[in-house]
N, C-alpha and C. Protein backbone atom coordinates (compact mmCIF):
# COMPACT_ATOMS: atom_id res chain seq x y z
N MET A 1 -47.02 -16.91 3.01
CA MET A 1 -45.60 -16.91 2.63
C MET A 1 -45.41 -16.98 1.13
N ARG A 2 -46.34 -17.87 0.48
CA ARG A 2 -46.20 -17.94 -0.94
C ARG A 2 -46.54 -16.69 -1.68
N VAL A 3 -47.45 -15.93 -1.20
CA VAL A 3 -47.78 -14.65 -1.80
C VAL A 3 -46.65 -13.63 -1.70
N LEU A 4 -45.99 -13.66 -0.53
CA LEU A 4 -44.83 -12.75 -0.31
C LEU A 4 -43.72 -13.14 -1.28
N SER A 5 -43.45 -14.38 -1.49
CA SER A 5 -42.34 -14.80 -2.39
C SER A 5 -42.69 -14.46 -3.87
N TRP A 6 -43.94 -14.59 -4.19
CA TRP A 6 -44.38 -14.17 -5.57
C TRP A 6 -44.26 -12.66 -5.74
N THR A 7 -44.61 -11.92 -4.73
CA THR A 7 -44.52 -10.42 -4.80
C THR A 7 -43.07 -10.02 -4.91
N VAL A 8 -42.21 -10.55 -4.13
CA VAL A 8 -40.78 -10.20 -4.22
C VAL A 8 -40.15 -10.65 -5.57
N GLY A 9 -40.56 -11.85 -6.06
CA GLY A 9 -40.07 -12.28 -7.38
C GLY A 9 -40.57 -11.37 -8.51
N ILE A 10 -41.79 -10.98 -8.56
CA ILE A 10 -42.31 -10.01 -9.59
C ILE A 10 -41.62 -8.69 -9.42
N ALA A 11 -41.36 -8.16 -8.18
CA ALA A 11 -40.68 -6.89 -8.00
C ALA A 11 -39.27 -6.97 -8.54
N MET A 12 -38.58 -8.12 -8.21
CA MET A 12 -37.17 -8.26 -8.73
C MET A 12 -37.19 -8.34 -10.22
N LEU A 13 -38.12 -9.08 -10.79
CA LEU A 13 -38.15 -9.17 -12.32
C LEU A 13 -38.40 -7.74 -12.96
N THR A 14 -39.27 -7.04 -12.32
CA THR A 14 -39.61 -5.72 -12.82
C THR A 14 -38.39 -4.79 -12.72
N MET A 15 -37.64 -4.85 -11.69
CA MET A 15 -36.46 -4.02 -11.56
C MET A 15 -35.40 -4.38 -12.60
N VAL A 16 -35.21 -5.76 -12.78
CA VAL A 16 -34.16 -6.14 -13.78
C VAL A 16 -34.59 -5.76 -15.17
N ALA A 17 -35.88 -5.86 -15.53
CA ALA A 17 -36.36 -5.56 -16.87
C ALA A 17 -36.26 -4.09 -17.11
N THR A 18 -36.63 -3.27 -16.16
CA THR A 18 -36.62 -1.86 -16.36
C THR A 18 -35.26 -1.25 -16.31
N GLY A 19 -34.31 -1.98 -15.62
CA GLY A 19 -32.94 -1.41 -15.48
C GLY A 19 -32.24 -1.43 -16.88
N CYS A 20 -32.64 -2.35 -17.79
CA CYS A 20 -31.98 -2.47 -19.06
C CYS A 20 -32.74 -1.68 -20.15
N ALA A 21 -33.82 -1.00 -19.77
CA ALA A 21 -34.64 -0.33 -20.76
C ALA A 21 -33.99 0.88 -21.26
N THR A 22 -33.14 1.60 -20.53
CA THR A 22 -32.43 2.76 -21.04
C THR A 22 -30.95 2.55 -21.10
N THR A 23 -30.30 3.40 -21.86
CA THR A 23 -28.84 3.24 -21.92
C THR A 23 -28.11 4.14 -20.93
N GLY A 24 -28.84 5.05 -20.35
CA GLY A 24 -28.24 5.96 -19.33
C GLY A 24 -27.34 7.02 -19.95
N GLN A 25 -27.41 7.19 -21.26
CA GLN A 25 -26.66 8.19 -21.91
C GLN A 25 -27.48 9.46 -22.21
N GLN A 26 -26.85 10.62 -22.15
CA GLN A 26 -27.53 11.80 -22.48
C GLN A 26 -27.72 11.94 -23.96
N GLY A 27 -28.63 12.77 -24.32
CA GLY A 27 -28.82 12.97 -25.78
C GLY A 27 -27.66 13.77 -26.36
N ALA A 28 -27.51 13.71 -27.67
CA ALA A 28 -26.31 14.28 -28.33
C ALA A 28 -26.40 15.82 -28.24
N ASP A 29 -27.62 16.40 -28.17
CA ASP A 29 -27.73 17.85 -28.20
C ASP A 29 -27.41 18.50 -26.89
N ASP A 30 -27.65 17.78 -25.80
CA ASP A 30 -27.38 18.38 -24.47
C ASP A 30 -26.13 17.90 -23.75
N LYS A 31 -25.26 17.35 -24.53
CA LYS A 31 -23.94 16.94 -23.97
C LYS A 31 -22.86 17.65 -24.68
N GLU A 32 -22.01 18.27 -23.83
CA GLU A 32 -20.88 19.05 -24.41
C GLU A 32 -19.63 18.13 -24.46
N TYR A 33 -18.80 18.27 -25.54
CA TYR A 33 -17.67 17.38 -25.63
C TYR A 33 -16.52 17.93 -24.76
N THR A 34 -15.96 16.97 -23.97
CA THR A 34 -14.80 17.34 -23.17
C THR A 34 -13.68 16.39 -23.60
N PRO A 35 -12.57 16.96 -23.99
CA PRO A 35 -11.45 16.19 -24.46
C PRO A 35 -10.86 15.36 -23.35
N PRO A 36 -10.19 14.24 -23.63
CA PRO A 36 -9.62 13.41 -22.60
C PRO A 36 -8.43 14.15 -22.02
N LEU A 37 -8.07 13.87 -20.75
CA LEU A 37 -6.96 14.46 -20.09
C LEU A 37 -5.64 14.10 -20.74
N SER A 38 -5.51 12.87 -21.24
CA SER A 38 -4.24 12.46 -21.84
C SER A 38 -4.59 11.38 -22.99
N ILE A 39 -3.82 11.44 -24.01
CA ILE A 39 -3.98 10.49 -25.07
C ILE A 39 -3.20 9.23 -24.86
N TYR A 40 -2.45 9.16 -23.74
CA TYR A 40 -1.57 8.14 -23.32
C TYR A 40 -2.37 6.92 -22.91
N ASN A 41 -2.17 5.77 -23.52
CA ASN A 41 -2.83 4.55 -23.15
C ASN A 41 -1.82 3.54 -22.83
N ILE A 42 -1.90 2.91 -21.52
CA ILE A 42 -0.91 1.98 -21.03
C ILE A 42 -0.99 0.71 -21.86
N LEU A 43 -2.04 0.38 -22.53
CA LEU A 43 -2.10 -0.82 -23.24
C LEU A 43 -1.45 -0.77 -24.66
N ASP A 44 -1.18 0.48 -25.08
CA ASP A 44 -0.58 0.67 -26.40
C ASP A 44 0.91 0.51 -26.32
N SER A 45 1.51 -0.48 -27.05
CA SER A 45 2.96 -0.72 -26.91
C SER A 45 3.78 0.33 -27.53
N THR A 46 3.18 1.19 -28.43
CA THR A 46 3.96 2.25 -29.08
C THR A 46 3.73 3.56 -28.37
N ALA A 47 3.00 3.60 -27.28
CA ALA A 47 2.68 4.86 -26.61
C ALA A 47 3.87 5.57 -26.06
N LEU A 48 4.89 4.78 -25.59
CA LEU A 48 6.11 5.44 -25.10
C LEU A 48 6.93 6.03 -26.16
N VAL A 49 6.74 5.56 -27.35
CA VAL A 49 7.57 6.02 -28.55
C VAL A 49 6.99 7.39 -28.99
N TYR A 50 5.64 7.42 -29.07
CA TYR A 50 4.99 8.58 -29.67
C TYR A 50 4.44 9.62 -28.60
N SER A 51 4.63 9.37 -27.33
CA SER A 51 4.23 10.35 -26.38
C SER A 51 5.26 10.62 -25.35
N ASP A 52 5.02 11.53 -24.45
CA ASP A 52 5.93 11.92 -23.42
C ASP A 52 5.49 11.23 -22.13
N PRO A 53 6.19 10.15 -21.67
CA PRO A 53 5.68 9.44 -20.50
C PRO A 53 5.81 10.31 -19.21
N VAL A 54 6.63 11.31 -19.13
CA VAL A 54 6.76 12.11 -17.98
C VAL A 54 5.45 12.89 -17.87
N ALA A 55 4.85 13.30 -18.95
CA ALA A 55 3.62 14.07 -18.89
C ALA A 55 2.49 13.25 -18.25
N GLY A 56 2.52 11.90 -18.46
CA GLY A 56 1.44 11.08 -17.95
C GLY A 56 1.70 10.51 -16.56
N SER A 57 2.92 10.82 -16.03
CA SER A 57 3.31 10.25 -14.67
C SER A 57 2.69 11.10 -13.57
N ALA A 58 2.74 10.54 -12.39
CA ALA A 58 2.19 11.30 -11.27
C ALA A 58 3.18 12.46 -10.91
N ILE A 59 2.59 13.52 -10.35
CA ILE A 59 3.34 14.69 -10.05
C ILE A 59 4.40 14.39 -8.89
N ASN A 60 3.89 13.84 -7.90
CA ASN A 60 4.79 13.49 -6.71
C ASN A 60 4.92 12.01 -6.71
N ASP A 61 6.14 11.51 -7.09
CA ASP A 61 6.36 10.10 -7.15
C ASP A 61 6.40 9.55 -5.80
N HIS A 62 6.15 8.17 -5.66
CA HIS A 62 6.21 7.52 -4.33
C HIS A 62 7.62 7.50 -3.78
N PRO A 63 7.87 7.87 -2.56
CA PRO A 63 9.21 7.89 -2.03
C PRO A 63 9.90 6.50 -1.93
N LEU A 64 9.13 5.44 -1.75
CA LEU A 64 9.68 4.08 -1.69
C LEU A 64 10.16 3.65 -3.05
N ARG A 65 9.81 4.29 -4.12
CA ARG A 65 10.30 3.88 -5.49
C ARG A 65 11.85 4.06 -5.54
N TRP A 66 12.35 5.04 -4.89
CA TRP A 66 13.80 5.21 -4.84
C TRP A 66 14.49 4.17 -4.06
N LEU A 67 13.90 3.67 -3.06
CA LEU A 67 14.41 2.56 -2.28
C LEU A 67 14.47 1.25 -3.21
N GLY A 68 13.49 1.18 -4.04
CA GLY A 68 13.42 0.05 -5.07
C GLY A 68 14.50 0.21 -6.07
N PHE A 69 14.79 1.37 -6.52
CA PHE A 69 15.88 1.64 -7.47
C PHE A 69 17.24 1.26 -6.82
N LEU A 70 17.39 1.62 -5.59
CA LEU A 70 18.69 1.41 -4.95
C LEU A 70 18.89 -0.05 -4.59
N SER A 71 17.83 -0.81 -4.31
CA SER A 71 17.95 -2.22 -3.92
C SER A 71 17.86 -3.15 -5.10
N HIS A 72 17.69 -2.61 -6.34
CA HIS A 72 17.63 -3.47 -7.54
C HIS A 72 18.87 -4.30 -7.75
N PRO A 73 20.02 -3.66 -7.66
CA PRO A 73 21.30 -4.50 -7.80
C PRO A 73 21.46 -5.59 -6.75
N LEU A 74 20.93 -5.35 -5.51
CA LEU A 74 21.00 -6.35 -4.51
C LEU A 74 20.07 -7.52 -4.86
N GLY A 75 18.96 -7.22 -5.44
CA GLY A 75 18.04 -8.32 -5.91
C GLY A 75 18.68 -9.14 -7.03
N HIS A 76 19.44 -8.53 -7.95
CA HIS A 76 20.07 -9.23 -8.93
C HIS A 76 21.19 -10.13 -8.38
N ALA A 77 21.95 -9.58 -7.39
CA ALA A 77 22.97 -10.36 -6.81
C ALA A 77 22.44 -11.62 -6.10
N VAL A 78 21.34 -11.50 -5.35
CA VAL A 78 20.67 -12.64 -4.78
C VAL A 78 20.20 -13.65 -5.81
N ASP A 79 19.67 -13.14 -6.87
CA ASP A 79 19.18 -14.01 -7.97
C ASP A 79 20.33 -14.84 -8.56
N TYR A 80 21.39 -14.14 -8.81
CA TYR A 80 22.53 -14.89 -9.50
C TYR A 80 23.24 -15.67 -8.47
N GLY A 81 23.43 -15.25 -7.23
CA GLY A 81 24.20 -15.88 -6.23
C GLY A 81 23.50 -17.04 -5.51
N VAL A 82 22.15 -16.94 -5.33
CA VAL A 82 21.38 -17.92 -4.57
C VAL A 82 20.39 -18.68 -5.38
N ASN A 83 19.52 -17.98 -6.05
CA ASN A 83 18.34 -18.59 -6.71
C ASN A 83 18.80 -19.47 -7.91
N ARG A 84 19.63 -19.02 -8.80
CA ARG A 84 20.01 -19.73 -9.91
C ARG A 84 20.86 -20.98 -9.66
N PRO A 85 21.80 -20.87 -8.73
CA PRO A 85 22.45 -22.08 -8.28
C PRO A 85 21.55 -23.18 -7.66
N MET A 86 20.55 -22.69 -7.00
CA MET A 86 19.58 -23.69 -6.42
C MET A 86 18.81 -24.42 -7.55
N TYR A 87 18.42 -23.68 -8.56
CA TYR A 87 17.71 -24.28 -9.76
C TYR A 87 18.68 -25.25 -10.46
N THR A 88 19.93 -24.91 -10.49
CA THR A 88 20.93 -25.85 -11.14
C THR A 88 21.11 -27.07 -10.34
N LEU A 89 21.21 -26.89 -8.99
CA LEU A 89 21.32 -28.04 -8.13
C LEU A 89 20.11 -28.88 -8.18
N GLY A 90 18.90 -28.28 -8.22
CA GLY A 90 17.65 -29.06 -8.24
C GLY A 90 17.46 -29.79 -9.66
N GLY A 91 18.00 -29.18 -10.68
CA GLY A 91 17.92 -29.81 -12.00
C GLY A 91 18.86 -30.91 -12.13
N SER A 92 19.94 -30.96 -11.34
CA SER A 92 20.92 -32.00 -11.44
C SER A 92 20.45 -33.39 -10.83
N ILE A 93 19.62 -33.24 -9.77
CA ILE A 93 19.03 -34.41 -9.10
C ILE A 93 17.53 -34.14 -8.90
N PRO A 94 16.70 -34.26 -9.96
CA PRO A 94 15.33 -33.83 -9.85
C PRO A 94 14.43 -34.65 -8.89
N TYR A 95 14.76 -35.94 -8.82
CA TYR A 95 13.91 -36.81 -7.91
C TYR A 95 14.14 -36.53 -6.48
N LEU A 96 15.25 -36.00 -6.16
CA LEU A 96 15.57 -35.66 -4.72
C LEU A 96 14.95 -34.36 -4.26
N PHE A 97 15.02 -33.36 -5.20
CA PHE A 97 14.58 -32.00 -4.86
C PHE A 97 13.18 -31.72 -5.29
N GLY A 98 12.51 -32.63 -6.07
CA GLY A 98 11.15 -32.32 -6.54
C GLY A 98 11.13 -31.36 -7.72
N TYR A 99 12.24 -31.36 -8.46
CA TYR A 99 12.28 -30.48 -9.63
C TYR A 99 11.44 -30.98 -10.75
N THR A 100 10.44 -30.16 -11.15
CA THR A 100 9.44 -30.57 -12.13
C THR A 100 9.71 -29.97 -13.49
N ALA A 101 8.85 -30.37 -14.43
CA ALA A 101 8.98 -29.80 -15.78
C ALA A 101 8.62 -28.36 -15.79
N GLU A 102 7.71 -27.88 -14.93
CA GLU A 102 7.41 -26.46 -14.85
C GLU A 102 8.60 -25.65 -14.36
N ASP A 103 9.31 -26.28 -13.40
CA ASP A 103 10.59 -25.56 -12.94
C ASP A 103 11.63 -25.42 -13.97
N SER A 104 11.72 -26.55 -14.74
CA SER A 104 12.63 -26.51 -15.88
C SER A 104 12.31 -25.42 -16.93
N LEU A 105 10.98 -25.32 -17.19
CA LEU A 105 10.53 -24.30 -18.15
C LEU A 105 10.81 -22.88 -17.63
N LEU A 106 10.56 -22.71 -16.37
CA LEU A 106 10.73 -21.40 -15.73
C LEU A 106 12.25 -21.08 -15.82
N ASP A 107 13.14 -22.01 -15.55
CA ASP A 107 14.59 -21.75 -15.51
C ASP A 107 15.07 -21.55 -16.89
N SER A 108 14.42 -22.19 -17.96
CA SER A 108 14.91 -22.01 -19.30
C SER A 108 14.53 -20.64 -19.87
N GLN A 109 13.47 -20.01 -19.32
CA GLN A 109 13.02 -18.76 -19.87
C GLN A 109 13.77 -17.49 -19.19
N ARG A 110 14.64 -17.74 -18.29
CA ARG A 110 15.43 -16.66 -17.71
C ARG A 110 16.44 -16.03 -18.74
N ARG A 111 16.69 -14.84 -18.48
CA ARG A 111 17.64 -14.13 -19.36
C ARG A 111 18.99 -14.07 -18.76
């Protein structure tokens, strides 16, 4: 059993050591340059200013997205009609409702 564990250990060490021996990249002479499909980067905050976001969007948009557009005003009505008054009520008697400092911070950051 001890010989088997040593053999498996050496085999694993060999695989780990040889896996990092190469970079996996092709040489510069046998690789052809292919330009990127889009220069639009979602992490760039100015990308929407300097590029066309429609060009980077999906060809067929998801059909439930329109349901989201239509129900957005309903969500705002529930927020202003139910959620914000509950935070106000909870903030007025914090020991009764368990209103914490994190709740207060969340409520203060609303627009």
